[in-house]
Amino acid sequence: MKKNIALVFFLMLGVFGFHESNAQFKFSNLFGSKDQPKKRKTFEAYSSVSIGVGSSHYYGELSPYNRFLQSTINGVRWNASFNFTRQLSPQFGLRFGLTWARIFGDDNYMDGVSGFEANFMRNLHFRNDIKEFSIVGQYDFVRTAKGSARRAAVIPYIFGGVAVFAHDPMAKPDKTLFPDQSDWVRLQPLHTEGQGLPGYAQPYSLISVSAPLGIGVRYKLNHNFDLGLEIGYRFTMTDYLDDVGGFYADPADLGTQSALSVAMANRTLERTAAYSGKDRTNGVINYLTSIGVYNPGSGVDPFTYSSVPGFSDRTDARGNSKYKDSYMLTSVKLIYYIPTKIKCPPLR
């Protein structure tokens, strides 16, 4: 019995010794290299959250690209955002964002603008609340040597990625014709360009994708907080942020849906701009006179016409499908850096 116990004891010592020696052996030793002491990491990944507010700017049929400065100023609206950022390396971070942005456009900004008389005559307007979820990569031009505590006082950066957003364009109806309608009505269900009706295209989706791209700068306020300023452009995959992108529908086809569909699809002969409340009489008379369908001395009320040439047939363009709609967001952000280690207070 004692011999068996001794044998087991020596076997355990042998196994333990083999384990210890094997633990010190590495595959690299086969080639003659020696173990090197591990270098201490110089960078520690960290996270931050931010809230921001800023302006929103829409570009499309009702806010033309070839008038970029005016389109940026006209119809400016607001946005609010929340972001979570994980800094993965000294210069690269991955950011997840939620944004609510309102955009707006109105053809009546073109009243009296040379070369855009047809835009004014079209007389469309809209607003759209965009709810966006984005994932973007963020590249800092200034390295962060270790953790967030060692970040530079000023860090400029660029970002780019992908976003999915929900939207729902709306417009104000003519209250003289529809006094019982709400102030803002949803446009997509009205099939304003015939979408969804027999012989027309399918309804446009209220969910789409965009590619955010922009620049920003962060300014260090203290150990835990930064102040950020950012400008980001969204290239979208839809031409219907404004409910405009194709051709006019036949009023008879829209009439099978509702009188509201007919009225919201073609607003050329509304005497008053539905959003701003401005009188359109002079602008309409000038346009109809310029195309030779109205004589100012005739005494005829132009708003009694049944239609306007170029704004009534199915071959008449209501929008321009050559370019997709887009929007730009500016934001001022308060950024909070989440501590990587939480220190407990000393016990007393």
Protein backbone atom coordinates (compact mmCIF):
# COMPACT_ATOMS: atom_id res chain seq x y z
CA MET A 1 0.00 0.00 0.00
CA LYS A 2 2.79 2.40 0.94
CA LYS A 3 4.53 1.55 -2.35
CA ASN A 4 1.37 2.48 -4.29
CA ILE A 5 1.05 5.77 -2.47
CA ALA A 6 4.69 6.60 -3.15
CA LEU A 7 4.25 5.72 -6.82
CA VAL A 8 1.22 8.01 -7.15
CA PHE A 9 3.14 10.79 -5.37
CA PHE A 10 6.09 10.60 -7.78
CA LEU A 11 3.74 10.40 -10.78
CA MET A 12 2.01 13.63 -9.64
CA LEU A 13 5.36 15.34 -9.26
CA GLY A 14 6.29 14.25 -12.76
CA VAL A 15 3.06 15.52 -14.30
CA PHE A 16 3.34 18.82 -12.42
CA GLY A 17 6.94 19.25 -13.54
CA PHE A 18 6.05 18.48 -17.14
CA HIS A 19 3.18 21.01 -17.03
CA GLU A 20 5.43 23.74 -15.69
CA SER A 21 8.14 23.14 -18.28
CA ASN A 22 5.60 22.87 -21.09
CA ALA A 23 3.97 26.12 -20.05
CA GLN A 24 7.30 27.85 -20.66
CA PHE A 25 7.64 26.35 -24.16
CA LYS A 26 6.31 28.21 -27.19
CA PHE A 27 6.11 27.33 -30.81
CA SER A 28 8.47 30.17 -31.67
CA ASN A 29 11.24 28.40 -29.72
CA LEU A 30 11.39 25.80 -32.47
CA PHE A 31 13.03 28.45 -34.59
CA GLY A 32 15.46 29.62 -31.98
CA SER A 33 13.71 32.80 -30.85
CA LYS A 34 13.39 33.67 -27.20
CA ASP A 35 10.40 34.89 -25.29
CA GLN A 36 10.22 38.66 -25.16
CA PRO A 37 8.61 40.55 -22.27
CA LYS A 38 5.19 41.96 -23.23
CA LYS A 39 5.12 45.67 -23.90
CA ARG A 40 2.59 47.66 -21.97
CA LYS A 41 -0.29 48.88 -24.09
CA THR A 42 0.04 52.57 -24.93
CA PHE A 43 -3.60 53.04 -25.94
CA GLU A 44 -6.73 52.09 -24.03
CA ALA A 45 -10.05 52.02 -25.90
CA TYR A 46 -12.70 54.28 -24.42
CA SER A 47 -16.30 55.33 -25.04
CA SER A 48 -18.26 58.56 -25.12
CA VAL A 49 -21.86 59.69 -25.47
CA SER A 50 -23.16 62.98 -26.81
CA ILE A 51 -26.32 65.00 -27.31
CA GLY A 52 -26.58 67.65 -29.99
CA VAL A 53 -28.88 70.22 -31.59
CA GLY A 54 -28.50 72.09 -34.85
CA SER A 55 -29.96 73.05 -38.20
CA SER A 56 -31.31 71.02 -41.13
CA HIS A 57 -31.13 71.93 -44.82
CA TYR A 58 -32.90 70.17 -47.72
CA TYR A 59 -31.86 69.98 -51.39
CA GLY A 60 -34.13 68.68 -54.14
CA GLU A 61 -36.87 69.75 -56.54
CA LEU A 62 -38.22 72.41 -54.18
CA SER A 63 -34.77 73.63 -53.16
CA PRO A 64 -32.54 73.35 -56.26
CA TYR A 65 -28.92 72.19 -56.20
CA ASN A 66 -27.92 74.91 -58.67
CA ARG A 67 -28.90 77.52 -56.08
CA PHE A 68 -26.98 75.83 -53.28
CA LEU A 69 -26.41 78.89 -51.08
CA GLN A 70 -30.01 80.09 -51.35
CA SER A 71 -31.29 76.55 -50.81
CA THR A 72 -29.16 76.25 -47.67
CA ILE A 73 -30.66 79.45 -46.26
CA ASN A 74 -34.26 79.02 -47.43
CA GLY A 75 -36.38 76.69 -45.35
CA VAL A 76 -33.76 76.03 -42.66
CA ARG A 77 -35.15 73.81 -39.90
CA TRP A 78 -33.84 71.90 -36.82
CA ASN A 79 -32.38 68.58 -35.75
CA ALA A 80 -31.59 66.81 -32.46
CA SER A 81 -29.22 63.86 -32.03
CA PHE A 82 -27.80 61.30 -29.60
CA ASN A 83 -24.55 59.41 -30.29
CA PHE A 84 -22.47 56.65 -28.75
CA THR A 85 -18.84 56.46 -29.89
CA ARG A 86 -16.27 53.74 -29.22
CA GLN A 87 -12.70 54.93 -29.78
CA LEU A 88 -10.93 51.82 -31.06
CA SER A 89 -7.48 53.23 -31.81
CA PRO A 90 -5.55 56.49 -31.36
CA GLN A 91 -7.25 57.93 -34.47
CA PHE A 92 -10.26 55.77 -35.35
CA GLY A 93 -13.65 55.47 -33.68
CA LEU A 94 -16.96 53.80 -34.50
CA ARG A 95 -20.09 55.85 -33.86
CA PHE A 96 -23.76 54.87 -33.55
CA GLY A 97 -26.24 57.72 -33.85
CA LEU A 98 -29.94 58.53 -33.57
CA THR A 99 -31.13 61.75 -35.22
CA TRP A 100 -34.49 63.44 -35.60
CA ALA A 101 -34.40 66.12 -38.29
CA ARG A 102 -37.12 68.24 -39.86
CA ILE A 103 -36.64 69.45 -43.43
CA PHE A 104 -38.77 71.87 -45.44
CA GLY A 105 -39.16 73.22 -48.96
CA ASP A 106 -41.49 75.68 -50.72
CA ASP A 107 -41.74 76.67 -54.39
CA ASN A 108 -42.87 80.15 -53.37
CA TYR A 109 -39.28 81.05 -52.47
CA MET A 110 -38.90 81.34 -56.26
CA ASP A 111 -41.35 84.21 -56.57
CA GLY A 112 -39.67 86.75 -58.84
CA VAL A 113 -36.47 84.70 -59.31
CA SER A 114 -35.43 84.77 -62.97
CA GLY A 115 -35.21 81.34 -64.57
CA PHE A 116 -37.36 79.68 -61.89
CA GLU A 117 -40.77 81.01 -62.85
CA ALA A 118 -42.04 77.47 -63.51
CA ASN A 119 -41.01 76.43 -59.99
CA PHE A 120 -43.06 79.27 -58.55
CA MET A 121 -46.02 78.34 -60.76
CA ARG A 122 -45.87 74.71 -59.56
CA ASN A 123 -46.62 76.00 -56.04
CA LEU A 124 -45.71 72.89 -54.04
CA HIS A 125 -44.40 72.80 -50.48
CA PHE A 126 -43.69 70.13 -47.87
CA ARG A 127 -42.19 69.32 -44.53
CA ASN A 128 -40.71 65.97 -43.53
CA ASP A 129 -39.60 64.62 -40.16
CA ILE A 130 -36.68 62.23 -40.64
CA LYS A 131 -35.81 59.63 -38.00
CA GLU A 132 -32.32 58.34 -38.72
CA PHE A 133 -30.11 55.57 -37.34
CA SER A 134 -26.50 55.79 -38.50
CA ILE A 135 -23.26 53.85 -38.18
CA VAL A 136 -20.18 55.84 -39.18
CA GLY A 137 -16.44 55.58 -38.92
CA GLN A 138 -14.73 58.61 -37.41
CA TYR A 139 -11.09 59.48 -38.18
CA ASP A 140 -9.29 61.98 -35.93
CA PHE A 141 -6.50 64.09 -37.39
CA VAL A 142 -4.85 64.30 -33.95
CA ARG A 143 -3.78 61.10 -32.19
CA THR A 144 -4.87 60.27 -28.67
CA ALA A 145 -1.73 58.82 -27.07
CA LYS A 146 -3.37 56.74 -24.35
CA GLY A 147 -6.90 57.11 -22.98
CA SER A 148 -9.47 59.87 -23.11
CA ALA A 149 -7.73 61.76 -20.30
CA ARG A 150 -4.72 62.28 -22.59
CA ARG A 151 -6.75 63.59 -25.56
CA ALA A 152 -5.67 66.83 -27.23
CA ALA A 153 -7.34 70.15 -26.51
CA VAL A 154 -8.63 70.43 -30.11
CA ILE A 155 -9.31 67.42 -32.37
CA PRO A 156 -10.58 67.92 -35.94
CA TYR A 157 -12.05 64.85 -37.62
CA ILE A 158 -13.90 63.48 -40.63
CA PHE A 159 -16.58 60.79 -40.74
CA GLY A 160 -18.46 58.62 -43.22
CA GLY A 161 -20.77 55.64 -43.12
CA VAL A 162 -24.32 54.46 -43.73
CA ALA A 163 -27.73 55.38 -42.30
CA VAL A 164 -31.26 54.02 -42.43
CA PHE A 165 -34.08 56.51 -41.99
CA ALA A 166 -37.86 56.74 -41.90
CA HIS A 167 -39.63 59.74 -43.39
CA ASP A 168 -43.17 60.92 -44.21
CA PRO A 169 -43.65 64.08 -46.32
CA MET A 170 -46.61 66.30 -45.46
CA ALA A 171 -48.14 69.54 -46.76
CA LYS A 172 -50.86 72.03 -45.88
CA PRO A 173 -54.11 71.80 -47.87
CA ASP A 174 -56.00 74.80 -49.24
CA LYS A 175 -58.28 75.62 -46.31
CA THR A 176 -60.78 77.43 -48.57
CA LEU A 177 -61.43 74.08 -50.30
CA PHE A 178 -60.90 71.73 -47.36
CA PRO A 179 -61.80 73.60 -44.16
CA ASP A 180 -62.24 70.40 -42.17
CA GLN A 181 -58.82 68.94 -43.02
CA SER A 182 -56.01 69.02 -40.48
CA ASP A 183 -53.29 71.64 -40.88
CA TRP A 184 -50.84 69.08 -42.32
CA VAL A 185 -51.80 66.03 -44.38
CA ARG A 186 -49.64 63.04 -45.34
CA LEU A 187 -48.78 63.07 -49.05
CA GLN A 188 -47.68 59.51 -49.84
CA PRO A 189 -51.16 57.97 -49.25
CA LEU A 190 -52.66 60.57 -51.66
CA HIS A 191 -50.79 59.07 -54.69
CA THR A 192 -49.95 62.59 -55.89
CA GLU A 193 -48.09 61.27 -58.96
CA GLY A 194 -50.41 58.28 -59.37
CA GLN A 195 -48.13 55.89 -57.49
CA GLY A 196 -49.94 52.66 -56.77
CA LEU A 197 -52.75 53.27 -59.24
CA PRO A 198 -53.17 51.10 -62.37
CA GLY A 199 -50.66 52.12 -65.04
CA TYR A 200 -48.42 54.05 -62.63
CA ALA A 201 -45.30 53.26 -60.63
CA GLN A 202 -45.41 51.64 -57.21
CA PRO A 203 -45.69 53.92 -54.14
CA TYR A 204 -42.34 55.18 -52.93
CA SER A 205 -41.02 53.71 -49.69
CA LEU A 206 -41.13 55.65 -46.43
CA ILE A 207 -37.90 53.92 -45.36
CA SER A 208 -34.68 54.62 -47.21
CA VAL A 209 -30.89 54.62 -46.95
CA SER A 210 -28.36 57.43 -47.01
CA ALA A 211 -24.60 57.87 -46.91
CA PRO A 212 -23.54 60.38 -44.22
CA LEU A 213 -20.28 62.23 -44.88
CA GLY A 214 -18.90 65.19 -42.98
CA ILE A 215 -16.35 67.01 -40.86
CA GLY A 216 -16.21 68.17 -37.28
CA VAL A 217 -14.05 69.41 -34.44
CA ARG A 218 -14.02 68.63 -30.69
CA TYR A 219 -12.82 71.12 -28.07
CA LYS A 220 -11.82 69.83 -24.63
CA LEU A 221 -13.72 71.55 -21.83
CA ASN A 222 -12.38 69.49 -18.92
CA HIS A 223 -11.42 65.94 -17.94
CA ASN A 224 -14.82 64.44 -18.88
CA PHE A 225 -16.45 66.83 -21.35
CA ASP A 226 -15.87 68.15 -24.88
CA LEU A 227 -17.80 70.67 -26.95
CA GLY A 228 -18.23 69.56 -30.57
CA LEU A 229 -19.21 71.24 -33.81
CA GLU A 230 -20.12 69.12 -36.83
CA ILE A 231 -21.43 69.44 -40.40
CA GLY A 232 -22.69 66.33 -42.18
CA TYR A 233 -24.19 65.81 -45.64
CA ARG A 234 -26.61 62.95 -46.39
CA PHE A 235 -26.67 61.49 -49.90
CA THR A 236 -29.99 59.60 -49.99
CA MET A 237 -31.32 56.82 -52.19
CA THR A 238 -34.77 58.40 -52.60
CA ASP A 239 -36.16 61.24 -54.72
CA TYR A 240 -39.28 61.58 -52.60
CA LEU A 241 -38.29 63.38 -49.44
CA ASP A 242 -40.43 66.16 -50.92
CA ASP A 243 -43.10 63.92 -52.55
CA VAL A 244 -41.91 65.21 -55.95
CA GLY A 245 -39.91 63.22 -58.48
CA GLY A 246 -41.84 62.16 -61.58
CA PHE A 247 -44.73 63.30 -63.75
CA TYR A 248 -48.22 64.66 -63.20
CA ALA A 249 -50.99 62.12 -62.85
CA ASP A 250 -54.28 62.27 -64.73
CA PRO A 251 -56.76 64.15 -62.48
CA ALA A 252 -59.45 61.65 -63.48
CA ASP A 253 -57.32 58.82 -62.09
CA LEU A 254 -56.64 60.70 -58.86
CA GLY A 255 -60.34 61.54 -58.61
CA THR A 256 -61.07 57.87 -58.02
CA GLN A 257 -59.17 58.27 -54.75
CA SER A 258 -60.36 61.61 -53.39
CA ALA A 259 -60.80 65.29 -54.20
CA LEU A 260 -57.92 65.95 -51.81
CA SER A 261 -55.61 63.81 -53.96
CA VAL A 262 -56.47 65.90 -57.02
CA ALA A 263 -55.94 69.18 -55.18
CA MET A 264 -52.63 68.25 -53.53
CA ALA A 265 -51.17 66.84 -56.76
CA ASN A 266 -51.60 70.02 -58.81
CA ARG A 267 -51.58 73.34 -56.96
CA THR A 268 -50.75 75.70 -59.80
CA LEU A 269 -54.00 77.68 -59.64
CA GLU A 270 -54.20 78.32 -55.92
CA ARG A 271 -54.61 82.03 -55.34
CA THR A 272 -52.93 81.97 -51.93
CA ALA A 273 -49.79 80.07 -50.97
CA ALA A 274 -51.02 77.47 -48.48
CA TYR A 275 -47.98 77.58 -46.20
CA SER A 276 -47.02 81.27 -46.14
CA GLY A 277 -50.47 82.75 -46.83
CA LYS A 278 -49.03 85.08 -49.49
CA ASP A 279 -51.14 86.26 -52.42
CA ARG A 280 -49.88 84.67 -55.65
CA THR A 281 -51.98 86.69 -58.09
CA ASN A 282 -49.25 88.86 -59.62
CA GLY A 283 -46.82 85.98 -60.06
CA VAL A 284 -49.44 83.74 -61.68
CA ILE A 285 -50.56 86.49 -64.05
CA ASN A 286 -46.96 87.23 -65.04
CA TYR A 287 -46.27 83.56 -65.76
CA LEU A 288 -49.44 82.94 -67.77
CA THR A 289 -48.80 86.13 -69.75
CA SER A 290 -45.19 85.09 -70.50
CA ILE A 291 -46.30 81.76 -72.04
CA GLY A 292 -49.03 83.47 -74.08
CA VAL A 293 -52.16 81.98 -72.53
CA TYR A 294 -53.41 85.05 -70.70
CA ASN A 295 -54.14 88.67 -71.65
CA PRO A 296 -53.99 90.99 -68.61
CA GLY A 297 -56.49 93.33 -70.27
CA SER A 298 -59.12 90.67 -70.81
CA GLY A 299 -60.66 91.01 -67.37
CA VAL A 300 -60.73 87.21 -67.01
CA ASP A 301 -59.83 85.74 -63.66
CA PRO A 302 -56.86 83.42 -64.40
CA PHE A 303 -57.66 81.30 -61.36
CA THR A 304 -60.80 80.06 -63.07
CA TYR A 305 -58.75 78.21 -65.71
CA SER A 306 -59.13 74.44 -65.59
CA SER A 307 -55.41 73.81 -66.04
CA VAL A 308 -52.10 75.37 -67.02
CA PRO A 309 -50.08 74.11 -70.03
CA GLY A 310 -47.05 72.12 -68.84
CA PHE A 311 -48.65 71.24 -65.50
CA SER A 312 -51.52 68.96 -66.37
CA ASP A 313 -50.74 66.03 -68.70
CA ARG A 314 -49.11 62.74 -67.74
CA THR A 315 -46.15 63.70 -69.94
CA ASP A 316 -45.56 66.93 -67.99
CA ALA A 317 -42.70 66.73 -65.51
CA ARG A 318 -43.65 67.43 -61.91
CA GLY A 319 -40.11 66.78 -60.68
CA ASN A 320 -36.66 65.80 -61.89
CA SER A 321 -35.65 62.19 -61.34
CA LYS A 322 -32.06 62.85 -62.50
CA TYR A 323 -30.90 63.70 -58.98
CA LYS A 324 -31.88 62.16 -55.66
CA ASP A 325 -32.88 64.35 -52.75
CA SER A 326 -30.40 65.07 -49.98
CA TYR A 327 -30.08 67.00 -46.73
CA MET A 328 -27.38 68.55 -44.60
CA LEU A 329 -27.21 68.70 -40.81
CA THR A 330 -25.18 70.95 -38.55
CA SER A 331 -24.84 70.15 -34.86
CA VAL A 332 -23.41 71.58 -31.67
CA LYS A 333 -22.70 68.70 -29.27
CA LEU A 334 -21.92 68.19 -25.63
CA ILE A 335 -19.72 65.08 -25.37
CA TYR A 336 -19.20 63.07 -22.19
CA TYR A 337 -16.33 60.57 -21.87
CA ILE A 338 -17.29 57.48 -19.89
CA PRO A 339 -14.60 56.63 -17.28
CA THR A 340 -12.79 53.39 -18.10
CA LYS A 341 -12.14 52.68 -14.42
CA ILE A 342 -14.47 53.61 -11.60
CA LYS A 343 -12.63 54.35 -8.36
CA CYS A 344 -14.41 53.38 -5.18
CA PRO A 345 -14.20 55.77 -2.24
CA PRO A 346 -11.88 54.64 0.59
CA LEU A 347 -13.47 52.79 3.47
CA ARG A 348 -13.31 54.45 6.87
